[in-house]
Amino acid sequence: MNQCLPRSRHARTPVWSALRLVLVGLVFAAGLSLAGCGGDSSDSGTTATALGDAVSTTVKTVSMSPDELGNAIVATWTEAMQKLTALLESKPEVAEVRGQIEQLKEEYVAKLVELGRKREALSASDKAQVGLSTAAALRAAADETWYTEYTALYQHYSAGDQDFATLLASFNILTQYAEFDLLKQQAPAEATRLGIE
């Protein structure tokens, strides 16, 4: 029985490694694709706290810079990830928590789509700056304690129900809901479902 434990741990490691590579690739691709764009500036209407222990996002009609919008996107994602890890902290049975996790995802999809609509109203150069700000903050998040907890929880659940593991993994790339071109490319059915054209 002890011999099976390391083998299953190794079986999960490539899956998680692949997910981390996908996240890094998405962040890098978004930064590169947006870096070369140009245009005039425009305002958005979202405020959010900076990354920290108690991250909260508040949508208001306040003018924000592209960096602030990028930080708001990451703060929203961070808040979703922290709520996810809190729900899974005691490692409940999948049947007990699946509905709550699905509802949590939909709640944050809606918030990120709203931020994405604000991003869409920006000039090309400002969109590029949002992408660069988002990418930098996402890279920094990999060292956070809550992200390490998320990784461990994903590994715990990935040995069982694969649909649930996929749901957990989808939280890792929620920021794509704020970047419509990326969402349309990677999840066209989701873009259609949300009325993003």
Protein backbone atom coordinates (compact mmCIF):
# COMPACT_ATOMS: atom_id res chain seq x y z
CA MET A 1 0.00 0.00 0.00
CA ASN A 2 2.85 2.41 0.76
CA GLN A 3 4.34 1.68 -2.66
CA CYS A 4 1.19 2.96 -4.38
CA LEU A 5 1.35 6.35 -2.66
CA PRO A 6 4.52 7.63 -4.37
CA ARG A 7 3.36 6.26 -7.71
CA SER A 8 0.02 8.12 -7.51
CA ARG A 9 1.81 11.27 -6.39
CA HIS A 10 4.03 11.04 -9.48
CA ALA A 11 0.99 10.40 -11.67
CA ARG A 12 -0.58 13.65 -10.53
CA THR A 13 2.57 15.73 -10.76
CA PRO A 14 2.69 15.85 -14.61
CA VAL A 15 -0.97 16.95 -14.73
CA TRP A 16 -0.35 19.80 -12.28
CA SER A 17 2.91 20.68 -14.00
CA ALA A 18 1.06 20.90 -17.29
CA LEU A 19 -1.56 23.19 -15.75
CA ARG A 20 1.13 25.48 -14.35
CA LEU A 21 2.81 25.58 -17.78
CA VAL A 22 -0.53 26.48 -19.37
CA LEU A 23 -0.97 29.35 -16.88
CA VAL A 24 2.56 30.63 -17.49
CA GLY A 25 2.05 30.28 -21.24
CA LEU A 26 -1.25 32.19 -21.14
CA VAL A 27 0.28 34.97 -19.11
CA PHE A 28 3.32 35.18 -21.37
CA ALA A 29 1.26 35.03 -24.57
CA ALA A 30 -1.14 37.70 -23.34
CA GLY A 31 1.75 39.98 -22.41
CA LEU A 32 3.50 39.50 -25.74
CA SER A 33 0.40 39.86 -27.88
CA LEU A 34 -0.62 43.05 -26.13
CA ALA A 35 2.81 44.65 -25.82
CA GLY A 36 3.02 45.72 -29.46
CA CYS A 37 -0.37 47.47 -29.67
CA GLY A 38 -0.84 51.25 -29.79
CA GLY A 39 -3.64 53.78 -29.55
CA ASP A 40 -5.15 56.52 -27.40
CA SER A 41 -6.20 56.19 -23.79
CA SER A 42 -9.59 55.86 -22.18
CA ASP A 43 -11.03 55.42 -18.68
CA SER A 44 -12.56 52.38 -17.00
CA GLY A 45 -14.85 52.14 -14.00
CA THR A 46 -13.55 49.61 -11.51
CA THR A 47 -11.73 49.78 -8.21
CA ALA A 48 -10.15 46.94 -6.29
CA THR A 49 -7.82 46.51 -3.38
CA ALA A 50 -4.25 45.41 -4.04
CA LEU A 51 -3.19 41.81 -3.55
CA GLY A 52 -2.97 40.90 0.10
CA ASP A 53 -4.30 38.68 2.85
CA ALA A 54 -7.86 39.96 2.61
CA VAL A 55 -8.48 40.80 -1.01
CA SER A 56 -11.83 42.22 -2.00
CA THR A 57 -13.09 43.64 -5.24
CA THR A 58 -15.59 46.47 -5.51
CA VAL A 59 -16.95 47.62 -8.83
CA LYS A 60 -17.70 51.36 -8.92
CA THR A 61 -17.87 54.08 -11.51
CA VAL A 62 -14.43 55.54 -10.86
CA SER A 63 -11.77 56.30 -13.44
CA MET A 64 -8.85 53.85 -13.35
CA SER A 65 -5.54 53.56 -15.09
CA PRO A 66 -4.70 50.43 -17.11
CA ASP A 67 -2.41 49.29 -14.26
CA GLU A 68 -5.27 49.66 -11.78
CA LEU A 69 -7.60 47.69 -14.05
CA GLY A 70 -4.97 44.96 -14.42
CA ASN A 71 -4.60 44.87 -10.64
CA ALA A 72 -8.40 44.71 -10.26
CA ILE A 73 -8.52 41.68 -12.56
CA VAL A 74 -5.84 39.90 -10.56
CA ALA A 75 -7.42 40.94 -7.24
CA THR A 76 -10.72 39.44 -8.40
CA TRP A 77 -8.99 36.20 -9.40
CA THR A 78 -7.07 36.14 -6.12
CA GLU A 79 -10.27 36.57 -4.15
CA ALA A 80 -11.87 33.66 -6.04
CA MET A 81 -8.85 31.44 -5.41
CA GLN A 82 -8.78 32.28 -1.70
CA LYS A 83 -12.50 31.55 -1.35
CA LEU A 84 -11.99 28.27 -3.21
CA THR A 85 -9.19 27.15 -0.90
CA ALA A 86 -11.28 28.13 2.14
CA LEU A 87 -14.18 25.96 0.91
CA LEU A 88 -11.84 23.00 0.35
CA GLU A 89 -9.60 23.49 3.39
CA SER A 90 -11.11 20.59 5.37
CA LYS A 91 -11.08 18.40 2.21
CA PRO A 92 -14.84 17.73 2.12
CA GLU A 93 -16.35 15.06 -0.10
CA VAL A 94 -16.88 16.20 -3.69
CA ALA A 95 -20.66 15.69 -3.45
CA GLU A 96 -20.82 18.04 -0.45
CA VAL A 97 -18.99 20.93 -2.09
CA ARG A 98 -19.40 20.66 -5.87
CA GLY A 99 -22.47 22.94 -6.03
CA GLN A 100 -20.77 25.63 -3.93
CA ILE A 101 -17.65 25.49 -6.12
CA GLU A 102 -19.71 25.77 -9.32
CA GLN A 103 -21.62 28.73 -7.87
CA LEU A 104 -18.37 30.39 -6.75
CA LYS A 105 -16.93 30.05 -10.25
CA GLU A 106 -20.02 31.59 -11.87
CA GLU A 107 -19.93 34.48 -9.41
CA TYR A 108 -16.34 35.30 -10.34
CA VAL A 109 -16.86 34.66 -14.05
CA ALA A 110 -19.52 37.41 -13.92
CA LYS A 111 -17.15 39.79 -12.10
CA LEU A 112 -14.32 39.13 -14.53
CA VAL A 113 -16.57 39.53 -17.57
CA GLU A 114 -17.62 42.92 -16.20
CA LEU A 115 -13.95 43.89 -15.86
CA GLY A 116 -13.38 42.52 -19.36
CA ARG A 117 -16.08 44.83 -20.73
CA LYS A 118 -14.21 47.75 -19.15
CA ARG A 119 -10.99 46.49 -20.72
CA GLU A 120 -12.68 46.27 -24.12
CA ALA A 121 -13.54 49.98 -23.92
CA LEU A 122 -9.83 50.87 -23.69
CA SER A 123 -7.47 51.79 -26.48
CA ALA A 124 -5.14 49.12 -27.84
CA SER A 125 -2.15 50.52 -25.95
CA ASP A 126 -4.08 50.64 -22.69
CA LYS A 127 -5.26 47.05 -23.24
CA ALA A 128 -1.62 46.10 -23.69
CA GLN A 129 -0.75 47.78 -20.40
CA VAL A 130 -3.61 45.94 -18.63
CA GLY A 131 -2.19 42.69 -19.98
CA LEU A 132 1.32 43.48 -18.77
CA SER A 133 0.06 44.45 -15.29
CA THR A 134 -2.03 41.29 -15.09
CA ALA A 135 0.85 39.08 -16.22
CA ALA A 136 3.26 40.54 -13.65
CA ALA A 137 0.77 40.11 -10.80
CA LEU A 138 -0.07 36.54 -11.82
CA ARG A 139 3.62 35.62 -11.84
CA ALA A 140 3.97 37.03 -8.32
CA ALA A 141 0.94 35.04 -7.10
CA ALA A 142 2.75 31.73 -7.66
CA ASP A 143 4.77 32.39 -4.48
CA GLU A 144 1.75 33.14 -2.27
CA THR A 145 0.78 30.72 0.52
CA TRP A 146 -2.82 30.51 -0.70
CA TYR A 147 -1.60 29.45 -4.14
CA THR A 148 0.51 26.69 -2.62
CA GLU A 149 -2.60 25.55 -0.71
CA TYR A 150 -4.59 25.58 -3.96
CA THR A 151 -1.93 23.42 -5.59
CA ALA A 152 -2.03 20.89 -2.75
CA LEU A 153 -5.84 20.78 -2.80
CA TYR A 154 -5.88 20.28 -6.56
CA GLN A 155 -3.45 17.39 -6.18
CA HIS A 156 -5.62 15.87 -3.44
CA TYR A 157 -8.79 15.99 -5.54
CA SER A 158 -7.21 15.11 -8.89
CA ALA A 159 -6.79 11.49 -7.80
CA GLY A 160 -10.58 11.07 -7.77
CA ASP A 161 -13.38 12.68 -9.77
CA GLN A 162 -11.76 14.04 -12.96
CA ASP A 163 -14.67 16.39 -13.75
CA PHE A 164 -14.24 17.97 -10.32
CA ALA A 165 -10.48 18.18 -10.83
CA THR A 166 -11.13 19.97 -14.13
CA LEU A 167 -13.47 22.39 -12.35
CA LEU A 168 -10.75 23.15 -9.78
CA ALA A 169 -8.15 23.59 -12.52
CA SER A 170 -10.42 26.05 -14.33
CA PHE A 171 -10.04 28.50 -11.44
CA ASN A 172 -6.37 28.78 -12.32
CA ILE A 173 -7.22 30.45 -15.63
CA LEU A 174 -10.28 32.50 -14.65
CA THR A 175 -8.57 35.72 -15.75
CA GLN A 176 -9.25 34.72 -19.37
CA TYR A 177 -12.84 35.87 -18.76
CA ALA A 178 -11.53 39.44 -18.59
CA GLU A 179 -9.66 39.11 -21.90
CA PHE A 180 -12.30 38.48 -24.52
CA ASP A 181 -10.02 37.71 -27.47
CA LEU A 182 -8.31 35.01 -25.42
CA LEU A 183 -11.63 33.62 -24.17
CA LYS A 184 -13.04 33.45 -27.70
CA GLN A 185 -9.91 31.62 -28.85
CA GLN A 186 -9.61 29.17 -25.94
CA ALA A 187 -13.26 28.68 -24.89
CA PRO A 188 -15.53 29.80 -27.75
CA ALA A 189 -18.58 28.04 -26.27
CA GLU A 190 -18.12 30.02 -23.03
CA ALA A 191 -17.76 33.27 -24.95
CA THR A 192 -21.01 32.51 -26.79
CA ARG A 193 -22.78 31.55 -23.56
CA LEU A 194 -21.79 34.90 -22.03
CA GLY A 195 -22.76 36.97 -25.09
CA ILE A 196 -19.17 37.91 -25.92
CA GLU A 197 -18.74 38.43 -29.67
